[in-house]
Every structure is written in structure tokens, then in C-alpha cells.
N, C-alpha and C. Protein backbone atom coordinates (compact mmCIF):
# COMPACT_ATOMS: atom_id res chain seq x y z
N MET A 1 17.07 -2.52 20.52
CA MET A 1 16.66 -3.27 19.36
C MET A 1 17.14 -2.57 18.10
N ALA A 2 17.57 -3.33 17.12
CA ALA A 2 18.02 -2.79 15.85
C ALA A 2 16.83 -2.23 15.08
N THR A 3 17.09 -1.23 14.26
CA THR A 3 16.03 -0.63 13.45
C THR A 3 16.46 -0.57 11.99
N ILE A 4 15.49 -0.32 11.15
CA ILE A 4 15.72 -0.16 9.73
C ILE A 4 15.00 1.12 9.30
N HIS A 5 15.62 1.91 8.44
CA HIS A 5 14.99 3.15 7.98
C HIS A 5 13.97 2.81 6.90
N VAL A 6 12.78 3.42 6.98
CA VAL A 6 11.70 3.16 6.03
C VAL A 6 11.26 4.46 5.38
N ASP A 7 11.17 4.43 4.06
CA ASP A 7 10.62 5.55 3.29
C ASP A 7 9.47 5.02 2.45
N VAL A 8 8.29 5.63 2.58
CA VAL A 8 7.14 5.30 1.73
C VAL A 8 6.82 6.57 0.96
N VAL A 9 6.93 6.50 -0.36
CA VAL A 9 6.69 7.67 -1.20
C VAL A 9 5.74 7.32 -2.33
N SER A 10 4.96 8.31 -2.73
CA SER A 10 4.10 8.16 -3.91
C SER A 10 4.56 9.18 -4.94
N ALA A 11 3.89 9.19 -6.07
CA ALA A 11 4.24 10.17 -7.10
C ALA A 11 3.97 11.59 -6.62
N GLU A 12 3.02 11.75 -5.69
CA GLU A 12 2.64 13.08 -5.22
C GLU A 12 3.47 13.59 -4.06
N GLU A 13 3.84 12.68 -3.12
CA GLU A 13 4.50 13.16 -1.90
C GLU A 13 5.15 12.02 -1.13
N GLY A 14 5.99 12.40 -0.17
CA GLY A 14 6.53 11.45 0.79
C GLY A 14 5.47 11.20 1.86
N ILE A 15 5.15 9.95 2.14
CA ILE A 15 4.08 9.62 3.07
C ILE A 15 4.64 9.29 4.45
N PHE A 16 5.75 8.57 4.49
CA PHE A 16 6.35 8.18 5.76
C PHE A 16 7.85 8.10 5.59
N SER A 17 8.57 8.57 6.60
CA SER A 17 10.01 8.43 6.64
C SER A 17 10.41 8.34 8.11
N GLY A 18 11.04 7.23 8.47
CA GLY A 18 11.45 7.06 9.85
C GLY A 18 12.01 5.67 10.09
N ASP A 19 12.38 5.42 11.33
CA ASP A 19 12.94 4.13 11.70
C ASP A 19 11.85 3.18 12.13
N ALA A 20 12.09 1.88 11.90
CA ALA A 20 11.12 0.86 12.26
C ALA A 20 11.85 -0.39 12.75
N GLU A 21 11.14 -1.14 13.59
CA GLU A 21 11.64 -2.44 14.03
C GLU A 21 11.27 -3.52 13.03
N PHE A 22 10.16 -3.31 12.29
CA PHE A 22 9.61 -4.32 11.42
C PHE A 22 8.70 -3.65 10.39
N VAL A 23 8.66 -4.19 9.17
CA VAL A 23 7.77 -3.70 8.13
C VAL A 23 7.12 -4.92 7.48
N ALA A 24 5.81 -4.85 7.24
CA ALA A 24 5.10 -5.92 6.53
C ALA A 24 4.28 -5.28 5.42
N LEU A 25 4.24 -5.94 4.26
CA LEU A 25 3.48 -5.41 3.14
C LEU A 25 3.14 -6.51 2.15
N PRO A 26 2.15 -6.27 1.27
CA PRO A 26 1.73 -7.29 0.31
C PRO A 26 2.65 -7.32 -0.91
N GLY A 27 3.52 -8.29 -0.97
CA GLY A 27 4.39 -8.45 -2.12
C GLY A 27 3.66 -9.16 -3.24
N GLU A 28 4.29 -9.22 -4.38
CA GLU A 28 3.68 -9.85 -5.55
C GLU A 28 3.41 -11.34 -5.30
N ALA A 29 4.29 -11.99 -4.55
CA ALA A 29 4.14 -13.43 -4.31
C ALA A 29 3.55 -13.74 -2.94
N GLY A 30 3.12 -12.72 -2.19
CA GLY A 30 2.54 -12.94 -0.88
C GLY A 30 3.02 -11.89 0.11
N GLU A 31 2.61 -12.03 1.36
CA GLU A 31 2.95 -11.08 2.42
C GLU A 31 4.45 -11.14 2.71
N LEU A 32 5.08 -9.97 2.77
CA LEU A 32 6.51 -9.88 3.08
C LEU A 32 6.70 -9.27 4.47
N GLY A 33 7.61 -9.83 5.23
CA GLY A 33 7.99 -9.27 6.52
C GLY A 33 9.47 -8.93 6.47
N ILE A 34 9.81 -7.71 6.86
CA ILE A 34 11.18 -7.23 6.74
C ILE A 34 11.68 -6.74 8.08
N TYR A 35 12.80 -7.29 8.51
CA TYR A 35 13.49 -6.87 9.73
C TYR A 35 14.81 -6.21 9.34
N PRO A 36 15.44 -5.50 10.29
CA PRO A 36 16.77 -4.93 10.00
C PRO A 36 17.74 -6.01 9.51
N ARG A 37 18.64 -5.61 8.66
CA ARG A 37 19.65 -6.47 8.05
C ARG A 37 19.06 -7.54 7.14
N HIS A 38 17.92 -7.22 6.54
CA HIS A 38 17.27 -8.13 5.59
C HIS A 38 18.13 -8.24 4.33
N THR A 39 18.07 -9.36 3.68
CA THR A 39 18.75 -9.57 2.42
C THR A 39 18.22 -8.57 1.38
N PRO A 40 19.09 -7.98 0.56
CA PRO A 40 18.61 -7.06 -0.48
C PRO A 40 17.57 -7.72 -1.38
N LEU A 41 16.59 -6.90 -1.78
CA LEU A 41 15.44 -7.42 -2.52
C LEU A 41 14.79 -6.29 -3.29
N ILE A 42 14.35 -6.59 -4.50
CA ILE A 42 13.51 -5.67 -5.26
C ILE A 42 12.35 -6.50 -5.79
N THR A 43 11.12 -6.02 -5.55
CA THR A 43 9.93 -6.74 -6.02
C THR A 43 8.78 -5.77 -6.21
N ARG A 44 7.81 -6.20 -6.98
CA ARG A 44 6.58 -5.42 -7.12
C ARG A 44 5.70 -5.69 -5.91
N ILE A 45 4.87 -4.71 -5.59
CA ILE A 45 3.93 -4.89 -4.48
C ILE A 45 2.51 -4.77 -5.01
N ARG A 46 1.61 -5.48 -4.34
CA ARG A 46 0.20 -5.47 -4.69
C ARG A 46 -0.52 -4.41 -3.87
N PRO A 47 -1.72 -4.02 -4.28
CA PRO A 47 -2.50 -3.10 -3.45
C PRO A 47 -2.77 -3.71 -2.08
N GLY A 48 -2.57 -2.91 -1.05
CA GLY A 48 -2.80 -3.36 0.31
C GLY A 48 -2.16 -2.43 1.32
N VAL A 49 -2.01 -2.90 2.55
CA VAL A 49 -1.53 -2.06 3.64
C VAL A 49 -0.07 -2.37 3.97
N VAL A 50 0.72 -1.31 4.07
CA VAL A 50 2.08 -1.41 4.60
C VAL A 50 1.96 -1.17 6.10
N ARG A 51 2.43 -2.13 6.89
CA ARG A 51 2.40 -2.00 8.36
C ARG A 51 3.82 -1.73 8.83
N ILE A 52 3.98 -0.66 9.60
CA ILE A 52 5.29 -0.24 10.08
C ILE A 52 5.28 -0.22 11.60
N LYS A 53 6.09 -1.07 12.21
CA LYS A 53 6.21 -1.12 13.68
C LYS A 53 7.38 -0.23 14.08
N MET A 54 7.05 0.89 14.72
CA MET A 54 8.07 1.86 15.11
C MET A 54 8.60 1.52 16.51
N PRO A 55 9.86 1.84 16.76
CA PRO A 55 10.44 1.54 18.07
C PRO A 55 9.75 2.30 19.20
N GLY A 56 9.49 1.60 20.29
CA GLY A 56 8.93 2.23 21.47
C GLY A 56 7.46 2.57 21.39
N LYS A 57 6.76 2.15 20.33
CA LYS A 57 5.34 2.44 20.19
C LYS A 57 4.56 1.14 20.07
N ALA A 58 3.42 1.09 20.76
CA ALA A 58 2.61 -0.12 20.72
C ALA A 58 1.85 -0.25 19.39
N ASP A 59 1.37 0.88 18.88
CA ASP A 59 0.59 0.85 17.64
C ASP A 59 1.50 0.90 16.42
N GLU A 60 1.04 0.29 15.35
CA GLU A 60 1.76 0.33 14.08
C GLU A 60 1.27 1.51 13.25
N GLU A 61 2.11 1.99 12.38
CA GLU A 61 1.73 2.98 11.38
C GLU A 61 1.21 2.20 10.17
N HIS A 62 0.10 2.63 9.58
CA HIS A 62 -0.46 1.97 8.41
C HIS A 62 -0.51 2.92 7.24
N VAL A 63 -0.12 2.41 6.06
CA VAL A 63 -0.19 3.17 4.83
C VAL A 63 -0.77 2.26 3.75
N PHE A 64 -1.87 2.69 3.12
CA PHE A 64 -2.42 1.92 2.01
C PHE A 64 -1.65 2.28 0.75
N VAL A 65 -1.23 1.26 0.00
CA VAL A 65 -0.56 1.48 -1.28
C VAL A 65 -1.34 0.75 -2.37
N ALA A 66 -1.43 1.38 -3.53
CA ALA A 66 -2.16 0.79 -4.66
C ALA A 66 -1.16 0.20 -5.65
N GLY A 67 -0.22 -0.58 -5.14
CA GLY A 67 0.80 -1.17 -6.00
C GLY A 67 2.05 -0.32 -6.02
N GLY A 68 3.09 -0.85 -6.64
CA GLY A 68 4.34 -0.13 -6.74
C GLY A 68 5.53 -1.06 -6.68
N ILE A 69 6.65 -0.52 -6.22
CA ILE A 69 7.92 -1.26 -6.15
C ILE A 69 8.48 -1.16 -4.74
N LEU A 70 9.03 -2.27 -4.26
CA LEU A 70 9.70 -2.33 -2.97
C LEU A 70 11.18 -2.59 -3.21
N GLU A 71 12.02 -1.78 -2.55
CA GLU A 71 13.46 -2.05 -2.55
C GLU A 71 13.90 -2.20 -1.11
N VAL A 72 14.57 -3.31 -0.84
CA VAL A 72 15.09 -3.56 0.51
C VAL A 72 16.60 -3.65 0.44
N GLN A 73 17.25 -2.86 1.30
CA GLN A 73 18.69 -2.95 1.53
C GLN A 73 18.85 -3.31 3.01
N PRO A 74 20.03 -3.74 3.44
CA PRO A 74 20.16 -4.19 4.84
C PRO A 74 19.68 -3.18 5.88
N ASN A 75 19.79 -1.89 5.61
CA ASN A 75 19.40 -0.89 6.60
C ASN A 75 18.36 0.11 6.11
N VAL A 76 17.82 -0.11 4.90
CA VAL A 76 16.85 0.82 4.33
C VAL A 76 15.77 0.05 3.55
N VAL A 77 14.52 0.43 3.78
CA VAL A 77 13.39 -0.09 3.01
C VAL A 77 12.76 1.09 2.30
N THR A 78 12.60 0.98 0.98
CA THR A 78 11.97 2.04 0.20
C THR A 78 10.76 1.48 -0.53
N VAL A 79 9.61 2.08 -0.29
CA VAL A 79 8.38 1.70 -0.98
C VAL A 79 8.05 2.84 -1.94
N LEU A 80 8.11 2.55 -3.23
CA LEU A 80 7.76 3.52 -4.26
C LEU A 80 6.36 3.14 -4.75
N ALA A 81 5.35 3.80 -4.22
CA ALA A 81 3.96 3.42 -4.46
C ALA A 81 3.35 4.21 -5.61
N ASP A 82 2.48 3.53 -6.36
CA ASP A 82 1.71 4.22 -7.39
C ASP A 82 0.85 5.28 -6.72
N THR A 83 0.15 4.88 -5.68
CA THR A 83 -0.66 5.76 -4.85
C THR A 83 -0.47 5.32 -3.42
N ALA A 84 -0.33 6.25 -2.49
CA ALA A 84 -0.19 5.92 -1.08
C ALA A 84 -1.05 6.86 -0.25
N ILE A 85 -1.75 6.28 0.73
CA ILE A 85 -2.64 7.05 1.60
C ILE A 85 -2.39 6.62 3.04
N ARG A 86 -2.17 7.58 3.91
CA ARG A 86 -1.99 7.27 5.33
C ARG A 86 -3.24 6.58 5.87
N GLY A 87 -3.05 5.63 6.76
CA GLY A 87 -4.17 4.88 7.31
C GLY A 87 -5.27 5.76 7.87
N GLN A 88 -4.89 6.80 8.60
CA GLN A 88 -5.89 7.68 9.22
C GLN A 88 -6.60 8.55 8.19
N ASP A 89 -6.06 8.66 6.96
CA ASP A 89 -6.68 9.48 5.93
C ASP A 89 -7.60 8.70 5.00
N LEU A 90 -7.69 7.38 5.19
CA LEU A 90 -8.56 6.56 4.34
C LEU A 90 -10.02 6.91 4.60
N ASP A 91 -10.79 7.07 3.53
CA ASP A 91 -12.19 7.47 3.61
C ASP A 91 -13.05 6.42 2.93
N GLU A 92 -13.81 5.67 3.72
CA GLU A 92 -14.60 4.56 3.18
C GLU A 92 -15.67 5.06 2.20
N ALA A 93 -16.38 6.12 2.55
CA ALA A 93 -17.44 6.63 1.68
C ALA A 93 -16.87 7.08 0.33
N LYS A 94 -15.75 7.75 0.37
CA LYS A 94 -15.11 8.23 -0.86
C LYS A 94 -14.66 7.05 -1.73
N ALA A 95 -14.11 6.01 -1.10
CA ALA A 95 -13.67 4.83 -1.83
C ALA A 95 -14.86 4.10 -2.44
N ARG A 96 -15.97 3.99 -1.70
CA ARG A 96 -17.18 3.33 -2.22
C ARG A 96 -17.73 4.10 -3.42
N ASP A 97 -17.75 5.44 -3.33
CA ASP A 97 -18.22 6.26 -4.45
C ASP A 97 -17.33 6.08 -5.68
N ALA A 98 -16.02 6.07 -5.46
CA ALA A 98 -15.08 5.88 -6.57
C ALA A 98 -15.26 4.50 -7.21
N LEU A 99 -15.52 3.47 -6.40
CA LEU A 99 -15.75 2.13 -6.93
C LEU A 99 -17.03 2.09 -7.75
N ALA A 100 -18.08 2.75 -7.28
CA ALA A 100 -19.34 2.80 -8.04
C ALA A 100 -19.13 3.50 -9.39
N LYS A 101 -18.37 4.58 -9.40
CA LYS A 101 -18.08 5.29 -10.66
C LYS A 101 -17.25 4.42 -11.59
N ALA A 102 -16.30 3.67 -11.03
CA ALA A 102 -15.48 2.78 -11.84
C ALA A 102 -16.32 1.66 -12.44
N GLU A 103 -17.28 1.14 -11.67
CA GLU A 103 -18.17 0.09 -12.18
C GLU A 103 -19.01 0.61 -13.33
N GLU A 104 -19.46 1.85 -13.21
CA GLU A 104 -20.23 2.48 -14.29
C GLU A 104 -19.34 2.69 -15.52
N ALA A 105 -18.11 3.12 -15.30
CA ALA A 105 -17.16 3.31 -16.40
C ALA A 105 -16.87 1.98 -17.10
N ARG A 106 -16.84 0.91 -16.33
CA ARG A 106 -16.61 -0.43 -16.89
C ARG A 106 -17.74 -0.81 -17.85
N LYS A 107 -18.96 -0.49 -17.47
CA LYS A 107 -20.12 -0.80 -18.32
C LYS A 107 -20.06 -0.02 -19.64
N ASN A 108 -19.50 1.19 -19.58
CA ASN A 108 -19.47 2.06 -20.76
C ASN A 108 -18.16 2.00 -21.53
N ALA A 109 -17.22 1.18 -21.08
CA ALA A 109 -15.91 1.10 -21.75
C ALA A 109 -16.08 0.53 -23.15
N GLY A 110 -15.37 1.14 -24.11
CA GLY A 110 -15.53 0.75 -25.50
C GLY A 110 -14.47 -0.21 -26.01
N SER A 111 -13.30 -0.19 -25.42
CA SER A 111 -12.23 -1.05 -25.93
C SER A 111 -11.69 -1.94 -24.81
N GLU A 112 -10.95 -2.95 -25.21
CA GLU A 112 -10.35 -3.85 -24.23
C GLU A 112 -9.35 -3.11 -23.34
N LEU A 113 -8.65 -2.13 -23.90
CA LEU A 113 -7.69 -1.34 -23.12
C LEU A 113 -8.42 -0.53 -22.05
N GLU A 114 -9.52 0.10 -22.41
CA GLU A 114 -10.30 0.85 -21.42
C GLU A 114 -10.82 -0.07 -20.32
N ILE A 115 -11.29 -1.24 -20.71
CA ILE A 115 -11.80 -2.22 -19.74
C ILE A 115 -10.68 -2.62 -18.79
N ALA A 116 -9.50 -2.90 -19.31
CA ALA A 116 -8.36 -3.31 -18.48
C ALA A 116 -7.97 -2.21 -17.49
N LYS A 117 -7.95 -0.97 -17.96
CA LYS A 117 -7.61 0.15 -17.07
C LYS A 117 -8.63 0.30 -15.95
N VAL A 118 -9.90 0.21 -16.29
CA VAL A 118 -10.96 0.36 -15.29
C VAL A 118 -10.92 -0.81 -14.31
N GLU A 119 -10.69 -2.02 -14.80
CA GLU A 119 -10.63 -3.18 -13.91
C GLU A 119 -9.44 -3.09 -12.96
N ALA A 120 -8.31 -2.55 -13.42
CA ALA A 120 -7.16 -2.35 -12.53
C ALA A 120 -7.51 -1.34 -11.44
N GLU A 121 -8.21 -0.27 -11.83
CA GLU A 121 -8.64 0.73 -10.85
C GLU A 121 -9.62 0.12 -9.85
N MET A 122 -10.54 -0.69 -10.35
CA MET A 122 -11.52 -1.34 -9.48
C MET A 122 -10.83 -2.29 -8.49
N SER A 123 -9.83 -2.99 -8.95
CA SER A 123 -9.08 -3.90 -8.07
C SER A 123 -8.40 -3.13 -6.94
N ALA A 124 -7.78 -2.00 -7.27
CA ALA A 124 -7.13 -1.18 -6.25
C ALA A 124 -8.15 -0.60 -5.27
N LEU A 125 -9.30 -0.18 -5.78
CA LEU A 125 -10.34 0.36 -4.90
C LEU A 125 -10.93 -0.72 -3.99
N ALA A 126 -11.10 -1.93 -4.51
CA ALA A 126 -11.59 -3.03 -3.68
C ALA A 126 -10.58 -3.35 -2.59
N ALA A 127 -9.30 -3.33 -2.92
CA ALA A 127 -8.25 -3.56 -1.91
C ALA A 127 -8.26 -2.45 -0.87
N GLN A 128 -8.50 -1.22 -1.31
CA GLN A 128 -8.56 -0.10 -0.38
C GLN A 128 -9.73 -0.26 0.58
N LEU A 129 -10.89 -0.64 0.07
CA LEU A 129 -12.05 -0.86 0.93
C LEU A 129 -11.80 -1.99 1.92
N ALA A 130 -11.17 -3.07 1.46
CA ALA A 130 -10.85 -4.18 2.36
C ALA A 130 -9.89 -3.72 3.45
N ALA A 131 -8.91 -2.89 3.09
CA ALA A 131 -7.96 -2.37 4.06
C ALA A 131 -8.66 -1.48 5.09
N ILE A 132 -9.55 -0.64 4.63
CA ILE A 132 -10.29 0.25 5.53
C ILE A 132 -11.09 -0.58 6.52
N ARG A 133 -11.79 -1.57 6.04
CA ARG A 133 -12.60 -2.41 6.92
C ARG A 133 -11.73 -3.15 7.93
N LYS A 134 -10.60 -3.65 7.49
CA LYS A 134 -9.69 -4.36 8.39
C LYS A 134 -9.12 -3.41 9.45
N LEU A 135 -8.71 -2.24 9.03
CA LEU A 135 -8.13 -1.28 9.97
C LEU A 135 -9.15 -0.73 10.95
N ARG A 136 -10.40 -0.63 10.51
CA ARG A 136 -11.45 -0.11 11.37
C ARG A 136 -12.10 -1.21 12.21
N GLY A 137 -11.66 -2.47 11.99
CA GLY A 137 -12.19 -3.59 12.77
C GLY A 137 -13.58 -4.02 12.40
N LYS A 138 -13.95 -3.83 11.12
CA LYS A 138 -15.30 -4.22 10.66
C LYS A 138 -15.28 -5.62 10.12
């Protein structure tokens, strides 16, 4: 089976690099599925889970991304994420605590800019919690 090279990187580190049979992720206009020899594409991505189907493995690799940019070339997929967390490293309690703090910050925000920043953070945290629940089968 043909494969495509996948790189998922955040501002802090490289999260995943390897070959895949298929990649799926939340694009700006909806869920994107990418196979080898895909048409070149650049788009923004929404907060959600990048699913990577590796050759010869039954399970997929999961990476939560809090938005970013996707670049697709016929043999390479690059995900440049604002924030990226490996599926096995997602912590539901930590995400719930961060969401509670963000909700409190929203109540105390003084300007429209502060409110917008906090609401964007809350949106990413809500997406992270939804991803955790989906991945854990809740």
C-alpha cells in the first residue's frame, strides 16, 4: 500500500513524524481525509483530533491540535499546530481545571479583546475535552 509522510509539529516540539496510509483532521470547512498522492492543499485547521493510520498497525495514532495550518503535498502532510498533544498525554482533569480558570477569567475580563482571547481559549479547551471523551469512549 502507498504511504504518505506525516509531520505534526507545534511551537514547542515535533509531535509525530512518520509514514501513514491515511490522515484525517478537522479542517476549517469540515473533516478532511488525506490519502497518498492527494492534491496539494493549504488550509487552516480547527481544534480537534488528527487521526493517523500507520501501515501495518490496527490502531490509529491520535494527536489533539488546538488549531493551526495544514499543508498537503502529494507525498507529504505537514500539520503546523498552535498547540499539539499526543492522544495518550491528554489529561481530562487538567483540561477541566483549565476550562474552569478560563471561565473565571471570562467573568473578570475588562475589554472586548480580553474576552475574545479567553473565549478562543475556552473553545480550544472544550474541543480538547470532547476529544478526550471520544478517545476514551465516554
